[in-house]
Amino acid sequence: MTKVLVVDDDALVASSVAAYLTAAGHDPRTATDAAEGERAWRTWQPDAVVLDVRLPGSSGLEMLTRRRRDGDATPVLLLSGLSSADDRVVGLEHGADDYVTKPFDARELVLRVEALLRRGPFDVQHAPVRLEVGGLVLDGASRTVSYRGRVEELTPREFALLSFLAQRPGHPFGRRELLRRVWGWTFGDDSTVMVHVRRLRRKLEDDPARPALIVNLRGSGYALMPEAGAPVAPGSTEAAR
């Protein structure tokens, strides 16, 4: 049974989510404040976490930031009463893998948690041992990328996305397509793709505001554009959103 930690200051919400997770064959544990939730996260070592943004004592975002800073890659689904695009992006920027707004359908929430569990923190199918393309050198063992004399360590999902694009240089992919093929989700917030592209640009581009390596081809999607002499794959037919 997979272990799912549910952290929400509303005990009724937490117990309701836990009941649905139990019915789906998972092993849930609940916490109602940040201190209890973080303690359970560290000691119980769940396979996934459902985390409310607003918690007494410390926000869910602050807790998530601390866990990510410590190298914890446990998949996290954020819960929030805030539904604007900016709020979703902020949550994803803090290291969340998916974002659900309240009120929510508990059955859909369980499906999203299961999507995170199926994929886990990193999909090895997108992790070549070593890949060189367009001036990039990706090392799957250390999860690093070398580009123009710089060496950057990537998060598991950043590496998965970059290696997916690097294996198809010049080939554009829309957000929904990347969400399906890199994250393994048939539903979910595609803002997470934009956030991960933004992070990669900050680490690799000379000028992240004017990207030359990972570009957005209007009407087609994101593509890794190789330097001169690198092979270019045919374009995708699925448009970006």
Protein backbone atom coordinates (compact mmCIF):
# COMPACT_ATOMS: atom_id res chain seq x y z
CA MET A 1 0.00 0.00 0.00
CA THR A 2 1.28 3.44 -0.90
CA LYS A 3 1.54 5.98 1.92
CA VAL A 4 -0.14 9.36 1.40
CA LEU A 5 0.21 12.18 3.91
CA VAL A 6 -2.71 14.64 4.00
CA VAL A 7 -1.94 17.97 5.70
CA ASP A 8 -4.94 20.31 6.12
CA ASP A 9 -5.99 22.45 9.07
CA ASP A 10 -9.63 21.51 8.42
CA ALA A 11 -9.90 18.12 10.13
CA LEU A 12 -13.11 17.35 8.21
CA VAL A 13 -11.42 17.91 4.85
CA ALA A 14 -8.38 15.88 5.90
CA SER A 15 -10.47 12.95 7.12
CA SER A 16 -12.68 13.03 4.02
CA VAL A 17 -9.67 12.91 1.69
CA ALA A 18 -8.15 10.14 3.82
CA ALA A 19 -11.37 8.11 3.58
CA TYR A 20 -11.36 8.32 -0.22
CA LEU A 21 -7.69 7.36 -0.32
CA THR A 22 -8.35 4.37 1.92
CA ALA A 23 -11.22 3.25 -0.31
CA ALA A 24 -8.86 3.44 -3.28
CA GLY A 25 -6.39 1.11 -1.56
CA HIS A 26 -3.89 3.61 -0.16
CA ASP A 27 -2.55 4.09 3.37
CA PRO A 28 -3.26 7.70 4.42
CA ARG A 29 -2.16 9.63 7.47
CA THR A 30 -3.47 13.09 8.39
CA ALA A 31 -2.00 16.16 10.09
CA THR A 32 -3.71 19.46 10.87
CA ASP A 33 -0.82 21.90 11.27
CA ALA A 34 2.58 22.55 9.77
CA ALA A 35 4.67 21.22 12.67
CA GLU A 36 2.77 17.93 12.83
CA GLY A 37 2.76 17.63 9.05
CA GLU A 38 6.47 18.26 8.64
CA ARG A 39 7.30 15.85 11.43
CA ALA A 40 5.20 13.11 9.80
CA TRP A 41 6.76 13.91 6.41
CA ARG A 42 10.27 13.45 7.76
CA THR A 43 9.66 10.34 9.89
CA TRP A 44 6.89 8.46 8.08
CA GLN A 45 8.39 9.11 4.60
CA PRO A 46 5.17 9.11 2.55
CA ASP A 47 5.03 8.24 -1.15
CA ALA A 48 3.00 11.39 -1.85
CA VAL A 49 1.76 14.44 0.07
CA VAL A 50 -1.52 16.36 -0.20
CA LEU A 51 -0.68 19.75 1.29
CA ASP A 52 -2.91 22.70 2.12
CA VAL A 53 -1.36 26.09 1.36
CA ARG A 54 -2.70 27.81 4.47
CA LEU A 55 -1.73 26.13 7.73
CA PRO A 56 -1.41 27.38 11.32
CA GLY A 57 2.15 28.00 12.42
CA SER A 58 3.78 27.91 9.00
CA SER A 59 2.33 27.94 5.51
CA GLY A 60 2.27 24.87 3.31
CA LEU A 61 4.49 26.71 0.83
CA GLU A 62 7.11 27.35 3.51
CA MET A 63 7.02 23.70 4.53
CA LEU A 64 7.35 22.59 0.92
CA THR A 65 10.26 24.96 0.34
CA ARG A 66 12.11 23.50 3.33
CA ARG A 67 11.56 19.93 2.20
CA ARG A 68 12.71 20.67 -1.34
CA ARG A 69 15.75 22.50 0.00
CA ASP A 70 16.62 19.32 1.90
CA GLY A 71 16.50 17.36 -1.34
CA ASP A 72 13.13 15.70 -0.76
CA ALA A 73 11.52 14.87 -4.13
CA THR A 74 8.27 13.35 -2.80
CA PRO A 75 5.40 14.21 -5.20
CA VAL A 76 3.21 16.97 -3.74
CA LEU A 77 -0.32 18.05 -4.62
CA LEU A 78 -1.19 21.48 -3.23
CA LEU A 79 -4.67 22.41 -1.99
CA SER A 80 -5.68 26.06 -1.99
CA GLY A 81 -8.72 28.29 -1.84
CA LEU A 82 -6.94 30.62 -4.28
CA SER A 83 -7.63 29.84 -7.92
CA SER A 84 -5.88 32.54 -9.96
CA ALA A 85 -3.21 31.58 -12.47
CA ASP A 86 -0.61 33.58 -10.50
CA ASP A 87 -1.38 31.62 -7.32
CA ARG A 88 -1.01 28.31 -9.17
CA VAL A 89 2.31 29.39 -10.63
CA VAL A 90 3.59 30.48 -7.19
CA GLY A 91 2.69 27.08 -5.78
CA LEU A 92 4.42 25.26 -8.60
CA GLU A 93 7.46 27.54 -8.28
CA HIS A 94 7.80 26.38 -4.67
CA GLY A 95 8.18 22.79 -5.86
CA ALA A 96 4.63 21.40 -6.03
CA ASP A 97 3.84 18.84 -8.71
CA ASP A 98 0.13 19.61 -9.08
CA TYR A 99 -2.38 22.13 -7.74
CA VAL A 100 -6.08 21.73 -6.86
CA THR A 101 -8.39 24.54 -5.77
CA LYS A 102 -11.08 24.29 -3.11
CA PRO A 103 -13.83 23.21 -3.21
CA PHE A 104 -12.74 20.06 -5.02
CA ASP A 105 -14.12 16.66 -5.96
CA ALA A 106 -12.41 14.15 -3.65
CA ARG A 107 -12.58 11.44 -6.33
CA GLU A 108 -10.72 13.65 -8.80
CA LEU A 109 -8.17 14.49 -6.10
CA VAL A 110 -7.51 10.76 -5.58
CA LEU A 111 -7.03 10.32 -9.34
CA ARG A 112 -4.50 13.14 -9.35
CA VAL A 113 -2.64 11.65 -6.40
CA GLU A 114 -2.54 8.30 -8.21
CA ALA A 115 -1.16 10.01 -11.31
CA LEU A 116 1.66 11.40 -9.15
CA LEU A 117 2.27 7.98 -7.60
CA ARG A 118 2.43 6.24 -10.98
CA ARG A 119 5.05 8.61 -12.25
CA GLY A 120 6.87 9.11 -8.96
CA PRO A 121 9.58 11.76 -8.59
CA PHE A 122 11.40 10.81 -11.79
CA ASP A 123 10.69 8.76 -14.88
CA VAL A 124 13.79 6.77 -15.82
CA GLN A 125 12.64 6.36 -19.41
CA HIS A 126 13.62 10.01 -19.93
CA ALA A 127 17.02 9.68 -18.24
CA PRO A 128 19.72 8.69 -20.73
CA VAL A 129 23.06 7.76 -19.19
CA ARG A 130 24.66 10.47 -21.31
CA LEU A 131 23.23 12.68 -24.04
CA GLU A 132 25.00 15.30 -26.15
CA VAL A 133 23.06 17.61 -28.45
CA GLY A 134 23.32 21.21 -29.55
CA GLY A 135 26.07 22.12 -27.09
CA LEU A 136 24.28 20.44 -24.19
CA VAL A 137 25.74 17.49 -22.30
CA LEU A 138 23.28 15.72 -20.00
CA ASP A 139 24.51 13.23 -17.42
CA GLY A 140 21.74 10.94 -16.15
CA ALA A 141 23.84 9.53 -13.31
CA SER A 142 24.50 12.88 -11.64
CA ARG A 143 21.41 14.59 -13.09
CA THR A 144 23.52 17.50 -14.29
CA VAL A 145 23.71 19.44 -17.52
CA SER A 146 26.76 21.13 -18.98
CA TYR A 147 26.24 24.03 -21.37
CA ARG A 148 28.73 26.65 -22.57
CA GLY A 149 31.15 25.95 -19.78
CA ARG A 150 28.54 25.95 -17.00
CA VAL A 151 27.49 22.87 -15.07
CA GLU A 152 24.06 22.95 -13.46
CA GLU A 153 22.38 20.41 -11.21
CA LEU A 154 18.73 19.85 -12.14
CA THR A 155 15.76 18.65 -10.16
CA PRO A 156 14.37 15.27 -11.24
CA ARG A 157 11.52 16.83 -13.21
CA GLU A 158 13.72 19.50 -14.78
CA PHE A 159 16.07 16.77 -15.98
CA ALA A 160 13.17 14.68 -17.31
CA LEU A 161 11.80 17.62 -19.30
CA LEU A 162 15.16 18.76 -20.66
CA SER A 163 16.22 15.25 -21.66
CA PHE A 164 12.86 14.69 -23.38
CA LEU A 165 13.29 17.86 -25.45
CA ALA A 166 16.99 17.17 -26.07
CA GLN A 167 16.18 13.78 -27.55
CA ARG A 168 13.95 15.58 -30.07
CA PRO A 169 15.87 18.77 -30.98
CA GLY A 170 13.94 21.31 -32.98
CA HIS A 171 10.68 19.47 -32.37
CA PRO A 172 7.99 21.63 -30.66
CA PHE A 173 5.62 20.25 -28.05
CA GLY A 174 2.54 21.92 -26.55
CA ARG A 175 2.01 22.11 -22.80
CA ARG A 176 -0.68 19.44 -22.73
CA GLU A 177 1.48 17.13 -24.82
CA LEU A 178 4.46 17.61 -22.51
CA LEU A 179 2.25 17.10 -19.47
CA ARG A 180 1.15 13.78 -20.93
CA ARG A 181 4.49 12.56 -22.22
CA VAL A 182 6.89 13.79 -19.50
CA TRP A 183 4.64 13.91 -16.43
CA GLY A 184 2.41 11.02 -17.51
CA TRP A 185 -0.78 12.98 -16.75
CA THR A 186 -3.89 13.00 -18.91
CA PHE A 187 -5.27 15.82 -16.75
CA GLY A 188 -3.85 18.37 -14.35
CA ASP A 189 -2.56 21.94 -14.34
CA ASP A 190 -0.36 22.52 -17.38
CA SER A 191 1.10 25.63 -15.70
CA THR A 192 3.64 23.23 -14.20
CA VAL A 193 5.20 22.84 -17.65
CA MET A 194 5.64 26.60 -18.00
CA VAL A 195 7.18 26.79 -14.52
CA HIS A 196 9.73 24.06 -15.28
CA VAL A 197 10.64 25.67 -18.61
CA ARG A 198 11.16 28.95 -16.77
CA ARG A 199 13.46 27.24 -14.25
CA LEU A 200 15.52 25.64 -17.03
CA ARG A 201 15.87 28.97 -18.79
CA ARG A 202 17.15 30.61 -15.60
CA LYS A 203 19.82 27.95 -15.30
CA LEU A 204 20.86 27.68 -18.95
CA GLU A 205 20.02 30.77 -20.97
CA ASP A 206 22.37 33.74 -21.25
CA ASP A 207 19.27 35.93 -21.08
CA PRO A 208 16.24 34.04 -19.71
CA ALA A 209 13.95 36.87 -20.88
CA ARG A 210 15.12 36.30 -24.47
CA PRO A 211 15.61 32.52 -24.66
CA ALA A 212 17.63 31.07 -27.52
CA LEU A 213 17.94 27.48 -26.33
CA ILE A 214 14.44 26.53 -25.13
CA VAL A 215 12.11 28.57 -27.28
CA ASN A 216 8.37 28.90 -27.61
CA LEU A 217 7.42 28.55 -31.26
CA ARG A 218 4.18 30.49 -31.48
CA GLY A 219 1.27 28.19 -32.20
CA SER A 220 3.42 25.05 -31.95
CA GLY A 221 4.97 24.74 -28.50
CA TYR A 222 8.29 24.55 -26.67
CA ALA A 223 11.33 23.25 -28.51
CA LEU A 224 15.01 22.86 -27.74
CA MET A 225 16.81 24.61 -30.57
CA PRO A 226 20.26 23.10 -31.18
CA GLU A 227 23.29 25.11 -32.10
CA ALA A 228 24.50 25.08 -35.67
CA GLY A 229 25.21 21.60 -37.01
CA ALA A 230 22.96 19.68 -34.63
CA PRO A 231 20.15 17.57 -36.12
CA VAL A 232 16.64 18.97 -36.26
CA ALA A 233 13.57 16.75 -36.02
CA PRO A 234 10.34 17.43 -37.97
CA GLY A 235 7.79 19.68 -36.26
CA SER A 236 4.95 18.59 -34.02
CA THR A 237 1.33 18.96 -35.02
CA GLU A 238 0.10 19.56 -31.47
CA ALA A 239 -0.10 23.25 -30.63
CA ALA A 240 1.00 24.94 -27.40
CA ARG A 241 -1.56 26.39 -25.06
